[in-house]
Amino acid sequence: STSKCIIHTRTNAHILSIPSLRVDTSQANSIKIARSLIADNPEVLIIEHMNLLKDESSVRSAINEWSNHEKIDTFLLLIDMSDPSSIEVANFVRCCIDQVPSGQC
C-alpha cells in the first residue's frame, strides 16, 4: 500500500542546503548526503527544490515521475517558506499529489 505524507517545518538554511536528488542522474555525492541526512536507502527517495521547478508543468512532471516509479516511495519537496507565494505553492503541490491516484496530475 502507498502512503503519502506532507511534512511542514520552519525554513532553515540547513534544510534548504539539502541537494536535489533525482531518478535519472548519477549523483554519488548527493546520495551520500541524502543517506546521512534523510534516509538509509536514498534509492527510494526523490528530493526536489521548489525554486528549481520553474512552472506548473515541471512540478507536475516531478510528481508524476515519483508516483509512476516502481521503487521510489518518498518525494521530498523543499519549499522556502519565506517566499511570499510559498503557501499557494504548497497548496498547489498538495492538490497535485491528491490527484495522483486518479491519474489526473
N, C-alpha and C. Protein backbone atom coordinates (compact mmCIF):
# COMPACT_ATOMS: atom_id res chain seq x y z
N SER A 1 0.84 -1.18 0.00
CA SER A 1 0.00 0.00 0.00
C SER A 1 0.88 1.24 0.00
N THR A 2 0.44 2.28 -0.69
CA THR A 2 1.19 3.52 -0.81
C THR A 2 0.66 4.53 0.19
N SER A 3 1.55 5.22 0.85
CA SER A 3 1.13 6.29 1.73
C SER A 3 1.88 7.55 1.36
N LYS A 4 1.22 8.67 1.55
CA LYS A 4 1.82 9.96 1.25
C LYS A 4 1.65 10.84 2.47
N CYS A 5 2.70 11.56 2.82
CA CYS A 5 2.65 12.45 3.97
C CYS A 5 3.13 13.83 3.55
N ILE A 6 2.55 14.84 4.17
CA ILE A 6 3.02 16.21 3.98
C ILE A 6 3.62 16.64 5.31
N ILE A 7 4.85 17.08 5.27
CA ILE A 7 5.55 17.49 6.49
C ILE A 7 5.89 18.97 6.37
N HIS A 8 5.58 19.69 7.41
CA HIS A 8 5.88 21.12 7.45
C HIS A 8 7.00 21.35 8.46
N THR A 9 7.88 22.28 8.14
CA THR A 9 8.93 22.67 9.08
C THR A 9 9.27 24.12 8.81
N ARG A 10 9.94 24.73 9.72
CA ARG A 10 10.36 26.12 9.51
C ARG A 10 11.46 26.17 8.45
N THR A 11 11.50 27.29 7.73
CA THR A 11 12.57 27.50 6.76
C THR A 11 13.89 27.60 7.52
N ASN A 12 14.86 26.89 7.00
CA ASN A 12 16.13 26.79 7.69
C ASN A 12 17.21 26.59 6.64
N ALA A 13 18.33 27.26 6.81
CA ALA A 13 19.41 27.16 5.83
C ALA A 13 19.91 25.73 5.68
N HIS A 14 19.89 24.96 6.76
CA HIS A 14 20.35 23.56 6.68
C HIS A 14 19.40 22.73 5.83
N ILE A 15 18.12 22.94 5.98
CA ILE A 15 17.14 22.20 5.18
C ILE A 15 17.25 22.59 3.71
N LEU A 16 17.38 23.89 3.45
CA LEU A 16 17.47 24.34 2.07
C LEU A 16 18.79 23.96 1.41
N SER A 17 19.78 23.55 2.20
CA SER A 17 21.06 23.14 1.62
C SER A 17 21.08 21.67 1.22
N ILE A 18 20.01 20.93 1.54
CA ILE A 18 19.93 19.53 1.11
C ILE A 18 19.91 19.51 -0.41
N PRO A 19 20.75 18.73 -1.05
CA PRO A 19 20.80 18.74 -2.52
C PRO A 19 19.61 18.02 -3.15
N SER A 20 19.27 18.45 -4.37
CA SER A 20 18.25 17.73 -5.14
C SER A 20 18.77 16.34 -5.45
N LEU A 21 17.85 15.39 -5.51
CA LEU A 21 18.21 14.00 -5.81
C LEU A 21 17.13 13.46 -6.73
N ARG A 22 17.48 13.26 -7.99
CA ARG A 22 16.50 12.85 -8.99
C ARG A 22 16.75 11.40 -9.42
N VAL A 23 15.78 10.84 -10.10
CA VAL A 23 15.84 9.45 -10.53
C VAL A 23 16.89 9.24 -11.60
N ASP A 24 16.96 10.13 -12.56
CA ASP A 24 17.68 9.87 -13.80
C ASP A 24 19.12 10.35 -13.83
N THR A 25 19.72 10.65 -12.68
CA THR A 25 21.09 11.11 -12.71
C THR A 25 21.95 10.32 -11.73
N SER A 26 23.22 10.29 -12.02
CA SER A 26 24.17 9.64 -11.12
C SER A 26 24.79 10.74 -10.26
N GLN A 27 24.41 10.75 -9.00
CA GLN A 27 24.84 11.82 -8.11
C GLN A 27 25.42 11.22 -6.83
N ALA A 28 26.61 10.68 -6.91
CA ALA A 28 27.21 9.97 -5.78
C ALA A 28 27.29 10.85 -4.54
N ASN A 29 27.73 12.09 -4.68
CA ASN A 29 27.87 12.97 -3.53
C ASN A 29 26.50 13.28 -2.92
N SER A 30 25.52 13.56 -3.78
CA SER A 30 24.17 13.85 -3.29
C SER A 30 23.56 12.65 -2.59
N ILE A 31 23.80 11.46 -3.13
CA ILE A 31 23.27 10.25 -2.50
C ILE A 31 23.89 10.06 -1.12
N LYS A 32 25.18 10.31 -1.00
CA LYS A 32 25.85 10.18 0.29
C LYS A 32 25.25 11.16 1.30
N ILE A 33 25.03 12.40 0.88
CA ILE A 33 24.45 13.41 1.77
C ILE A 33 23.02 13.03 2.14
N ALA A 34 22.24 12.60 1.16
CA ALA A 34 20.85 12.21 1.42
C ALA A 34 20.79 11.06 2.41
N ARG A 35 21.66 10.10 2.23
CA ARG A 35 21.69 8.94 3.12
C ARG A 35 21.96 9.39 4.56
N SER A 36 22.90 10.29 4.72
CA SER A 36 23.26 10.71 6.07
C SER A 36 22.21 11.63 6.70
N LEU A 37 21.49 12.38 5.89
CA LEU A 37 20.53 13.34 6.43
C LEU A 37 19.10 12.82 6.51
N ILE A 38 18.72 11.98 5.57
CA ILE A 38 17.30 11.71 5.42
C ILE A 38 16.93 10.24 5.49
N ALA A 39 17.61 9.42 4.73
CA ALA A 39 17.14 8.05 4.58
C ALA A 39 18.32 7.08 4.54
N ASP A 40 18.10 5.90 5.09
CA ASP A 40 19.12 4.86 5.00
C ASP A 40 19.26 4.35 3.57
N ASN A 41 18.18 4.42 2.82
CA ASN A 41 18.18 3.93 1.45
C ASN A 41 17.70 5.05 0.51
N PRO A 42 18.60 5.93 0.06
CA PRO A 42 18.17 7.05 -0.77
C PRO A 42 17.71 6.63 -2.17
N GLU A 43 17.89 5.36 -2.52
CA GLU A 43 17.42 4.89 -3.82
C GLU A 43 15.89 4.90 -3.91
N VAL A 44 15.20 5.05 -2.78
CA VAL A 44 13.74 5.11 -2.78
C VAL A 44 13.25 6.53 -2.56
N LEU A 45 14.12 7.51 -2.85
CA LEU A 45 13.88 8.90 -2.49
C LEU A 45 14.13 9.83 -3.67
N ILE A 46 13.22 10.78 -3.87
CA ILE A 46 13.43 11.90 -4.78
C ILE A 46 13.41 13.16 -3.93
N ILE A 47 14.38 14.05 -4.15
CA ILE A 47 14.40 15.34 -3.47
C ILE A 47 14.39 16.42 -4.54
N GLU A 48 13.45 17.32 -4.42
CA GLU A 48 13.36 18.47 -5.34
C GLU A 48 13.28 19.76 -4.53
N HIS A 49 13.78 20.81 -5.10
CA HIS A 49 13.64 22.15 -4.53
C HIS A 49 12.61 22.91 -5.37
N MET A 50 11.61 23.45 -4.71
CA MET A 50 10.55 24.14 -5.43
C MET A 50 11.09 25.29 -6.27
N ASN A 51 12.09 25.99 -5.79
CA ASN A 51 12.62 27.13 -6.55
C ASN A 51 13.32 26.70 -7.84
N LEU A 52 13.62 25.39 -8.00
CA LEU A 52 14.21 24.90 -9.24
C LEU A 52 13.17 24.38 -10.22
N LEU A 53 11.95 24.19 -9.74
CA LEU A 53 10.85 23.78 -10.60
C LEU A 53 10.15 25.07 -11.04
N LYS A 54 10.39 25.47 -12.27
CA LYS A 54 10.05 26.83 -12.71
C LYS A 54 8.60 27.06 -13.09
N ASP A 55 7.85 25.99 -13.37
CA ASP A 55 6.48 26.21 -13.79
C ASP A 55 5.60 25.02 -13.39
N GLU A 56 4.31 25.16 -13.64
CA GLU A 56 3.36 24.12 -13.27
C GLU A 56 3.71 22.78 -13.92
N SER A 57 4.12 22.82 -15.16
CA SER A 57 4.46 21.60 -15.88
C SER A 57 5.62 20.85 -15.22
N SER A 58 6.64 21.58 -14.78
CA SER A 58 7.78 20.92 -14.15
C SER A 58 7.40 20.35 -12.78
N VAL A 59 6.49 21.00 -12.06
CA VAL A 59 6.01 20.46 -10.78
C VAL A 59 5.25 19.17 -11.03
N ARG A 60 4.32 19.20 -11.98
CA ARG A 60 3.53 18.00 -12.29
C ARG A 60 4.43 16.87 -12.80
N SER A 61 5.42 17.20 -13.59
CA SER A 61 6.34 16.19 -14.11
C SER A 61 7.12 15.52 -12.98
N ALA A 62 7.61 16.31 -12.02
CA ALA A 62 8.36 15.74 -10.89
C ALA A 62 7.46 14.83 -10.06
N ILE A 63 6.23 15.25 -9.82
CA ILE A 63 5.30 14.43 -9.04
C ILE A 63 4.95 13.15 -9.80
N ASN A 64 4.73 13.26 -11.09
CA ASN A 64 4.42 12.06 -11.89
C ASN A 64 5.59 11.10 -11.94
N GLU A 65 6.80 11.62 -12.06
CA GLU A 65 7.98 10.75 -12.07
C GLU A 65 8.03 9.94 -10.78
N TRP A 66 7.76 10.58 -9.66
CA TRP A 66 7.74 9.89 -8.37
C TRP A 66 6.59 8.88 -8.29
N SER A 67 5.40 9.31 -8.65
CA SER A 67 4.23 8.44 -8.47
C SER A 67 4.25 7.24 -9.41
N ASN A 68 4.89 7.36 -10.56
CA ASN A 68 4.93 6.27 -11.54
C ASN A 68 6.12 5.34 -11.37
N HIS A 69 7.03 5.67 -10.49
CA HIS A 69 8.24 4.86 -10.31
C HIS A 69 7.93 3.67 -9.41
N GLU A 70 8.42 2.50 -9.79
CA GLU A 70 8.15 1.27 -9.04
C GLU A 70 8.77 1.26 -7.65
N LYS A 71 10.00 1.74 -7.53
CA LYS A 71 10.73 1.59 -6.27
C LYS A 71 10.74 2.84 -5.40
N ILE A 72 10.56 3.99 -6.00
CA ILE A 72 10.67 5.24 -5.24
C ILE A 72 9.34 5.53 -4.55
N ASP A 73 9.38 5.57 -3.22
CA ASP A 73 8.15 5.78 -2.48
C ASP A 73 8.14 7.09 -1.68
N THR A 74 9.23 7.85 -1.75
CA THR A 74 9.31 9.09 -0.99
C THR A 74 9.66 10.25 -1.90
N PHE A 75 8.86 11.29 -1.85
CA PHE A 75 9.07 12.51 -2.62
C PHE A 75 9.21 13.65 -1.62
N LEU A 76 10.40 14.21 -1.53
CA LEU A 76 10.67 15.31 -0.61
C LEU A 76 10.79 16.58 -1.44
N LEU A 77 9.86 17.50 -1.25
CA LEU A 77 9.88 18.77 -1.96
C LEU A 77 10.19 19.85 -0.94
N LEU A 78 11.29 20.54 -1.15
CA LEU A 78 11.71 21.60 -0.22
C LEU A 78 11.22 22.95 -0.74
N ILE A 79 10.44 23.62 0.09
CA ILE A 79 9.85 24.91 -0.28
C ILE A 79 10.35 25.95 0.73
N ASP A 80 10.91 27.02 0.22
CA ASP A 80 11.36 28.12 1.07
C ASP A 80 10.12 28.89 1.53
N MET A 81 9.74 28.68 2.77
CA MET A 81 8.51 29.28 3.29
C MET A 81 8.64 30.78 3.55
N SER A 82 9.82 31.35 3.35
CA SER A 82 9.95 32.80 3.46
C SER A 82 9.51 33.49 2.17
N ASP A 83 9.35 32.73 1.11
CA ASP A 83 8.86 33.27 -0.16
C ASP A 83 7.39 33.66 -0.01
N PRO A 84 7.00 34.86 -0.49
CA PRO A 84 5.62 35.32 -0.32
C PRO A 84 4.55 34.39 -0.92
N SER A 85 4.90 33.63 -1.95
CA SER A 85 3.91 32.75 -2.59
C SER A 85 4.00 31.30 -2.10
N SER A 86 4.77 31.04 -1.04
CA SER A 86 5.03 29.67 -0.61
C SER A 86 3.76 28.93 -0.18
N ILE A 87 2.83 29.59 0.45
CA ILE A 87 1.61 28.90 0.89
C ILE A 87 0.79 28.46 -0.32
N GLU A 88 0.66 29.32 -1.31
CA GLU A 88 -0.06 28.96 -2.53
C GLU A 88 0.63 27.81 -3.26
N VAL A 89 1.95 27.86 -3.29
CA VAL A 89 2.72 26.80 -3.94
C VAL A 89 2.52 25.48 -3.22
N ALA A 90 2.60 25.49 -1.90
CA ALA A 90 2.41 24.26 -1.12
C ALA A 90 1.00 23.71 -1.33
N ASN A 91 0.00 24.57 -1.38
CA ASN A 91 -1.38 24.12 -1.62
C ASN A 91 -1.52 23.51 -3.02
N PHE A 92 -0.87 24.09 -4.02
CA PHE A 92 -0.91 23.55 -5.37
C PHE A 92 -0.29 22.16 -5.41
N VAL A 93 0.86 22.01 -4.75
CA VAL A 93 1.54 20.71 -4.73
C VAL A 93 0.66 19.67 -4.03
N ARG A 94 0.05 20.05 -2.92
CA ARG A 94 -0.87 19.12 -2.23
C ARG A 94 -1.98 18.67 -3.17
N CYS A 95 -2.54 19.61 -3.90
CA CYS A 95 -3.61 19.30 -4.86
C CYS A 95 -3.11 18.30 -5.91
N CYS A 96 -1.93 18.53 -6.45
CA CYS A 96 -1.37 17.61 -7.45
C CYS A 96 -1.16 16.23 -6.86
N ILE A 97 -0.64 16.15 -5.66
CA ILE A 97 -0.40 14.86 -5.03
C ILE A 97 -1.72 14.15 -4.75
N ASP A 98 -2.71 14.90 -4.33
CA ASP A 98 -4.05 14.30 -4.08
C ASP A 98 -4.65 13.74 -5.35
N GLN A 99 -4.30 14.28 -6.50
CA GLN A 99 -4.84 13.82 -7.78
C GLN A 99 -4.10 12.63 -8.35
N VAL A 100 -2.95 12.28 -7.81
CA VAL A 100 -2.14 11.19 -8.35
C VAL A 100 -2.88 9.87 -8.49
N PRO A 101 -3.59 9.38 -7.46
CA PRO A 101 -4.26 8.06 -7.62
C PRO A 101 -5.27 8.03 -8.75
N SER A 102 -5.88 9.15 -9.08
CA SER A 102 -6.87 9.17 -10.15
C SER A 102 -6.24 9.41 -11.51
N GLY A 103 -4.91 9.57 -11.54
CA GLY A 103 -4.21 9.75 -12.80
C GLY A 103 -4.40 11.12 -13.43
N GLN A 104 -4.76 12.11 -12.62
CA GLN A 104 -5.05 13.44 -13.17
C GLN A 104 -3.92 14.43 -13.01
N CYS A 105 -2.83 14.05 -12.36
CA CYS A 105 -1.77 15.02 -12.13
C CYS A 105 -1.05 15.34 -13.43
